[in-house]
Structure formats: structure tokens, C-alpha cells
Amino acid sequence: MNIQIFGKSKCFDTKKAERYFKERRVKYQYIDMKKYGISRGELNGVLRSVPLSDLVDPKHPDAALLQYLAYDQDKMEKVLEHPTLLRTPIVRNGKQATVGYQPEQWKTWE
């Protein structure tokens, strides 16, 4: 397994995801979304498993603005500019990805 966790340092679900993999002694790479963001390639990889509408955090103040952008490419550019628009944690295992705390799905990866 090649686990990547994209999260925010103050997000409880991100901390729970980290704890889940630590308890199972699974090595993972943590990427702080506020500090480093997410690259275009990584975002495209996640979008193969999860639709953009599920990735956007509805609690974010600018989330409603994305609805008014006509093209998916424009929405992606906005998300790349402001990675805090994304829900966390985003957990990737190769070509598979999940958003939020989903231990049931992660068990199938083991």
C-alpha cells in the first residue's frame, strides 16, 4: 500500500485517519493542504475515484461560488488556487481515493 493523506492540521477527521493507519502500522505520507495544497496530477487522480461535487467542503464560505462556475475546468482551477475548499481527509492508495473518514473502505485496501 502507498497511502497519502491530504489533510488539515486542525481537522479531527484527518487526525482520526492518521490514527487509523498508525494503529495498523501502515506507513503513510501526510500532506498539509494549507501549507502545500494539492497538485493538478494528484487532484486528477482523486477525481477518478471521487466526483468534484463530493470533494468540495459545503461548510467553506466560498463553496457556493463554485456552483456558479460553468465549466469543470474553471472549478478545478479555483480548487487548485484555494485547496482549503476541499473536504479532508483525502486518502489515496494508488488509483483509489476516499474523502472523509471512511475506515470501511480502507479495510478493503489491506
N, C-alpha and C. Protein backbone atom coordinates (compact mmCIF):
# COMPACT_ATOMS: atom_id res chain seq x y z
N MET A 1 0.84 -1.19 0.00
CA MET A 1 0.00 0.00 0.00
C MET A 1 0.88 1.24 0.00
N ASN A 2 0.43 2.23 -0.73
CA ASN A 2 1.13 3.51 -0.81
C ASN A 2 0.11 4.59 -0.44
N ILE A 3 -0.04 4.84 0.85
CA ILE A 3 -1.09 5.71 1.36
C ILE A 3 -0.60 7.16 1.43
N GLN A 4 -1.43 8.06 0.93
CA GLN A 4 -1.21 9.50 1.09
C GLN A 4 -2.44 10.06 1.78
N ILE A 5 -2.22 10.89 2.78
CA ILE A 5 -3.32 11.56 3.46
C ILE A 5 -3.16 13.06 3.26
N PHE A 6 -4.10 13.65 2.54
CA PHE A 6 -4.14 15.10 2.38
C PHE A 6 -5.10 15.62 3.43
N GLY A 7 -4.61 16.50 4.31
CA GLY A 7 -5.48 16.97 5.38
C GLY A 7 -5.09 18.33 5.89
N LYS A 8 -5.82 18.73 6.91
CA LYS A 8 -5.55 20.00 7.59
C LYS A 8 -5.18 19.67 9.03
N SER A 9 -4.24 20.41 9.58
CA SER A 9 -3.72 20.09 10.91
C SER A 9 -4.78 20.17 12.01
N LYS A 10 -5.80 20.98 11.84
CA LYS A 10 -6.82 21.12 12.88
C LYS A 10 -8.11 20.35 12.58
N CYS A 11 -8.05 19.45 11.61
CA CYS A 11 -9.23 18.67 11.22
C CYS A 11 -9.28 17.37 12.01
N PHE A 12 -10.36 17.14 12.75
CA PHE A 12 -10.48 15.94 13.57
C PHE A 12 -10.53 14.68 12.73
N ASP A 13 -11.21 14.72 11.57
CA ASP A 13 -11.27 13.53 10.72
C ASP A 13 -9.89 13.17 10.16
N THR A 14 -9.07 14.18 9.90
CA THR A 14 -7.71 13.92 9.44
C THR A 14 -6.91 13.23 10.54
N LYS A 15 -7.05 13.69 11.76
CA LYS A 15 -6.35 13.07 12.89
C LYS A 15 -6.82 11.63 13.10
N LYS A 16 -8.12 11.40 12.92
CA LYS A 16 -8.65 10.04 13.06
C LYS A 16 -8.11 9.13 11.96
N ALA A 17 -7.98 9.65 10.75
CA ALA A 17 -7.43 8.86 9.65
C ALA A 17 -5.97 8.51 9.92
N GLU A 18 -5.20 9.48 10.41
CA GLU A 18 -3.81 9.20 10.74
C GLU A 18 -3.72 8.13 11.83
N ARG A 19 -4.56 8.25 12.84
CA ARG A 19 -4.57 7.27 13.92
C ARG A 19 -4.94 5.88 13.40
N TYR A 20 -5.91 5.81 12.47
CA TYR A 20 -6.33 4.53 11.91
C TYR A 20 -5.14 3.80 11.29
N PHE A 21 -4.35 4.50 10.48
CA PHE A 21 -3.22 3.85 9.81
C PHE A 21 -2.06 3.60 10.77
N LYS A 22 -1.85 4.47 11.76
CA LYS A 22 -0.79 4.25 12.75
C LYS A 22 -1.07 2.99 13.56
N GLU A 23 -2.34 2.82 13.97
CA GLU A 23 -2.70 1.65 14.78
C GLU A 23 -2.49 0.35 14.03
N ARG A 24 -2.58 0.38 12.71
CA ARG A 24 -2.40 -0.82 11.88
C ARG A 24 -0.98 -0.92 11.33
N ARG A 25 -0.12 -0.03 11.79
CA ARG A 25 1.28 0.02 11.37
C ARG A 25 1.43 0.10 9.85
N VAL A 26 0.58 0.91 9.25
CA VAL A 26 0.65 1.15 7.81
C VAL A 26 1.35 2.49 7.60
N LYS A 27 2.42 2.48 6.84
CA LYS A 27 3.13 3.72 6.57
C LYS A 27 2.30 4.59 5.63
N TYR A 28 2.34 5.87 5.88
CA TYR A 28 1.60 6.82 5.04
C TYR A 28 2.39 8.11 4.93
N GLN A 29 2.03 8.89 3.93
CA GLN A 29 2.62 10.21 3.73
C GLN A 29 1.53 11.23 4.03
N TYR A 30 1.82 12.18 4.92
CA TYR A 30 0.85 13.22 5.25
C TYR A 30 1.22 14.50 4.51
N ILE A 31 0.23 15.08 3.84
CA ILE A 31 0.44 16.35 3.13
C ILE A 31 -0.52 17.37 3.72
N ASP A 32 0.01 18.46 4.25
CA ASP A 32 -0.80 19.53 4.83
C ASP A 32 -1.37 20.39 3.70
N MET A 33 -2.69 20.37 3.57
CA MET A 33 -3.35 21.10 2.47
C MET A 33 -3.15 22.60 2.57
N LYS A 34 -3.15 23.14 3.78
CA LYS A 34 -2.99 24.59 3.93
C LYS A 34 -1.59 25.03 3.55
N LYS A 35 -0.60 24.19 3.84
CA LYS A 35 0.78 24.56 3.60
C LYS A 35 1.22 24.25 2.17
N TYR A 36 0.88 23.04 1.67
CA TYR A 36 1.39 22.59 0.37
C TYR A 36 0.32 22.51 -0.72
N GLY A 37 -0.95 22.41 -0.34
CA GLY A 37 -2.00 22.29 -1.33
C GLY A 37 -2.01 20.91 -1.97
N ILE A 38 -2.58 20.83 -3.16
CA ILE A 38 -2.63 19.58 -3.91
C ILE A 38 -2.28 19.90 -5.35
N SER A 39 -1.49 19.03 -5.95
CA SER A 39 -1.06 19.30 -7.33
C SER A 39 -2.17 18.91 -8.31
N ARG A 40 -2.05 19.38 -9.52
CA ARG A 40 -3.04 19.08 -10.56
C ARG A 40 -3.12 17.57 -10.81
N GLY A 41 -1.96 16.92 -10.87
CA GLY A 41 -1.92 15.48 -11.11
C GLY A 41 -2.57 14.68 -9.99
N GLU A 42 -2.28 15.08 -8.76
CA GLU A 42 -2.89 14.40 -7.62
C GLU A 42 -4.40 14.62 -7.60
N LEU A 43 -4.84 15.83 -7.90
CA LEU A 43 -6.27 16.12 -7.93
C LEU A 43 -6.96 15.32 -9.03
N ASN A 44 -6.33 15.20 -10.19
CA ASN A 44 -6.90 14.38 -11.27
C ASN A 44 -7.01 12.92 -10.85
N GLY A 45 -6.00 12.43 -10.13
CA GLY A 45 -6.04 11.06 -9.63
C GLY A 45 -7.20 10.84 -8.66
N VAL A 46 -7.43 11.79 -7.79
CA VAL A 46 -8.53 11.69 -6.84
C VAL A 46 -9.87 11.78 -7.57
N LEU A 47 -9.95 12.63 -8.59
CA LEU A 47 -11.20 12.81 -9.33
C LEU A 47 -11.61 11.56 -10.11
N ARG A 48 -10.68 10.64 -10.34
CA ARG A 48 -11.04 9.37 -11.00
C ARG A 48 -11.89 8.51 -10.08
N SER A 49 -11.76 8.70 -8.77
CA SER A 49 -12.50 7.90 -7.79
C SER A 49 -13.65 8.66 -7.15
N VAL A 50 -13.51 9.97 -7.02
CA VAL A 50 -14.49 10.78 -6.30
C VAL A 50 -14.89 11.97 -7.16
N PRO A 51 -16.19 12.21 -7.35
CA PRO A 51 -16.61 13.38 -8.14
C PRO A 51 -16.27 14.70 -7.42
N LEU A 52 -16.07 15.74 -8.20
CA LEU A 52 -15.70 17.04 -7.65
C LEU A 52 -16.74 17.56 -6.67
N SER A 53 -18.00 17.28 -6.93
CA SER A 53 -19.07 17.76 -6.04
C SER A 53 -18.94 17.16 -4.64
N ASP A 54 -18.42 15.93 -4.53
CA ASP A 54 -18.21 15.31 -3.22
C ASP A 54 -16.94 15.80 -2.54
N LEU A 55 -16.01 16.32 -3.33
CA LEU A 55 -14.74 16.81 -2.77
C LEU A 55 -14.87 18.18 -2.12
N VAL A 56 -15.80 18.99 -2.58
CA VAL A 56 -15.91 20.36 -2.09
C VAL A 56 -16.58 20.37 -0.72
N ASP A 57 -15.97 21.10 0.20
CA ASP A 57 -16.48 21.23 1.56
C ASP A 57 -17.65 22.21 1.57
N PRO A 58 -18.88 21.74 1.84
CA PRO A 58 -20.03 22.63 1.81
C PRO A 58 -20.00 23.71 2.91
N LYS A 59 -19.18 23.52 3.94
CA LYS A 59 -19.09 24.49 5.04
C LYS A 59 -18.16 25.65 4.72
N HIS A 60 -17.37 25.51 3.67
CA HIS A 60 -16.43 26.57 3.31
C HIS A 60 -17.21 27.77 2.78
N PRO A 61 -16.83 29.00 3.18
CA PRO A 61 -17.57 30.20 2.74
C PRO A 61 -17.63 30.39 1.22
N ASP A 62 -16.61 29.93 0.49
CA ASP A 62 -16.59 30.12 -0.95
C ASP A 62 -17.15 28.94 -1.73
N ALA A 63 -17.66 27.92 -1.05
CA ALA A 63 -18.17 26.73 -1.74
C ALA A 63 -19.33 27.06 -2.67
N ALA A 64 -20.18 28.00 -2.27
CA ALA A 64 -21.34 28.35 -3.10
C ALA A 64 -20.90 28.99 -4.42
N LEU A 65 -19.76 29.65 -4.42
CA LEU A 65 -19.28 30.29 -5.65
C LEU A 65 -18.95 29.26 -6.74
N LEU A 66 -18.53 28.07 -6.34
CA LEU A 66 -18.19 27.05 -7.32
C LEU A 66 -19.40 26.61 -8.14
N GLN A 67 -20.58 26.68 -7.54
CA GLN A 67 -21.79 26.28 -8.26
C GLN A 67 -22.05 27.19 -9.45
N TYR A 68 -21.60 28.41 -9.38
CA TYR A 68 -21.88 29.38 -10.44
C TYR A 68 -20.86 29.35 -11.57
N LEU A 69 -19.77 28.60 -11.38
CA LEU A 69 -18.80 28.45 -12.46
C LEU A 69 -19.34 27.43 -13.45
N ALA A 70 -19.33 27.77 -14.71
CA ALA A 70 -19.99 26.95 -15.74
C ALA A 70 -19.19 25.69 -16.10
N TYR A 71 -17.89 25.80 -16.16
CA TYR A 71 -17.08 24.69 -16.66
C TYR A 71 -16.33 23.99 -15.53
N ASP A 72 -16.20 22.67 -15.66
CA ASP A 72 -15.47 21.90 -14.66
C ASP A 72 -14.02 22.33 -14.57
N GLN A 73 -13.45 22.73 -15.68
CA GLN A 73 -12.05 23.18 -15.69
C GLN A 73 -11.89 24.44 -14.82
N ASP A 74 -12.86 25.35 -14.89
CA ASP A 74 -12.82 26.55 -14.05
C ASP A 74 -12.94 26.20 -12.58
N LYS A 75 -13.78 25.22 -12.28
CA LYS A 75 -13.94 24.77 -10.89
C LYS A 75 -12.63 24.16 -10.38
N MET A 76 -11.98 23.37 -11.24
CA MET A 76 -10.70 22.78 -10.84
C MET A 76 -9.64 23.84 -10.58
N GLU A 77 -9.59 24.86 -11.43
CA GLU A 77 -8.63 25.95 -11.23
C GLU A 77 -8.86 26.66 -9.90
N LYS A 78 -10.12 26.89 -9.57
CA LYS A 78 -10.46 27.55 -8.31
C LYS A 78 -10.03 26.68 -7.12
N VAL A 79 -10.25 25.37 -7.22
CA VAL A 79 -9.85 24.46 -6.15
C VAL A 79 -8.33 24.40 -6.02
N LEU A 80 -7.62 24.43 -7.14
CA LEU A 80 -6.16 24.42 -7.09
C LEU A 80 -5.61 25.71 -6.48
N GLU A 81 -6.29 26.83 -6.72
CA GLU A 81 -5.88 28.11 -6.13
C GLU A 81 -6.15 28.13 -4.63
N HIS A 82 -7.28 27.52 -4.23
CA HIS A 82 -7.71 27.52 -2.82
C HIS A 82 -7.99 26.10 -2.36
N PRO A 83 -6.94 25.33 -2.01
CA PRO A 83 -7.14 23.92 -1.65
C PRO A 83 -7.95 23.73 -0.37
N THR A 84 -8.15 24.79 0.40
CA THR A 84 -8.97 24.65 1.60
C THR A 84 -10.44 24.46 1.26
N LEU A 85 -10.81 24.61 -0.01
CA LEU A 85 -12.18 24.33 -0.44
C LEU A 85 -12.51 22.84 -0.39
N LEU A 86 -11.48 22.00 -0.32
CA LEU A 86 -11.69 20.56 -0.35
C LEU A 86 -11.97 20.01 1.05
N ARG A 87 -12.84 19.00 1.10
CA ARG A 87 -13.09 18.28 2.34
C ARG A 87 -11.87 17.45 2.68
N THR A 88 -11.64 17.25 3.94
CA THR A 88 -10.49 16.44 4.36
C THR A 88 -10.94 15.37 5.34
N PRO A 89 -10.22 14.31 5.48
CA PRO A 89 -9.01 13.96 4.75
C PRO A 89 -9.33 13.36 3.39
N ILE A 90 -8.43 13.57 2.46
CA ILE A 90 -8.45 12.87 1.18
C ILE A 90 -7.38 11.80 1.31
N VAL A 91 -7.79 10.55 1.24
CA VAL A 91 -6.85 9.44 1.41
C VAL A 91 -6.71 8.72 0.07
N ARG A 92 -5.47 8.63 -0.40
CA ARG A 92 -5.18 7.96 -1.68
C ARG A 92 -4.38 6.70 -1.45
N ASN A 93 -4.72 5.68 -2.20
CA ASN A 93 -3.95 4.44 -2.24
C ASN A 93 -3.80 4.08 -3.71
N GLY A 94 -2.74 4.53 -4.33
CA GLY A 94 -2.57 4.31 -5.77
C GLY A 94 -3.64 5.05 -6.55
N LYS A 95 -4.46 4.29 -7.29
CA LYS A 95 -5.52 4.91 -8.09
C LYS A 95 -6.83 5.03 -7.34
N GLN A 96 -6.91 4.50 -6.13
CA GLN A 96 -8.12 4.59 -5.32
C GLN A 96 -8.03 5.80 -4.40
N ALA A 97 -9.18 6.38 -4.09
CA ALA A 97 -9.20 7.54 -3.20
C ALA A 97 -10.53 7.61 -2.47
N THR A 98 -10.49 8.18 -1.27
CA THR A 98 -11.70 8.43 -0.50
C THR A 98 -11.63 9.85 0.06
N VAL A 99 -12.78 10.37 0.43
CA VAL A 99 -12.86 11.68 1.06
C VAL A 99 -13.60 11.51 2.37
N GLY A 100 -13.05 12.09 3.43
CA GLY A 100 -13.67 11.96 4.74
C GLY A 100 -13.13 10.72 5.45
N TYR A 101 -13.63 10.49 6.64
CA TYR A 101 -13.21 9.34 7.45
C TYR A 101 -14.01 8.12 7.01
N GLN A 102 -13.37 7.18 6.33
CA GLN A 102 -14.05 6.01 5.79
C GLN A 102 -13.27 4.73 6.06
N PRO A 103 -13.21 4.28 7.32
CA PRO A 103 -12.42 3.09 7.64
C PRO A 103 -12.95 1.82 6.96
N GLU A 104 -14.25 1.76 6.65
CA GLU A 104 -14.79 0.58 5.99
C GLU A 104 -14.13 0.40 4.62
N GLN A 105 -13.97 1.49 3.91
CA GLN A 105 -13.33 1.44 2.59
C GLN A 105 -11.84 1.12 2.71
N TRP A 106 -11.19 1.68 3.71
CA TRP A 106 -9.75 1.47 3.88
C TRP A 106 -9.45 0.01 4.21
N LYS A 107 -10.36 -0.67 4.91
CA LYS A 107 -10.15 -2.10 5.23
C LYS A 107 -10.03 -2.92 3.97
N THR A 108 -10.74 -2.54 2.92
CA THR A 108 -10.68 -3.31 1.68
C THR A 108 -9.34 -3.13 0.98
N TRP A 109 -8.57 -2.12 1.34
CA TRP A 109 -7.27 -1.88 0.73
C TRP A 109 -6.19 -2.76 1.32
N GLU A 110 -6.42 -3.26 2.52
CA GLU A 110 -5.38 -4.04 3.23
C GLU A 110 -5.18 -5.41 2.62
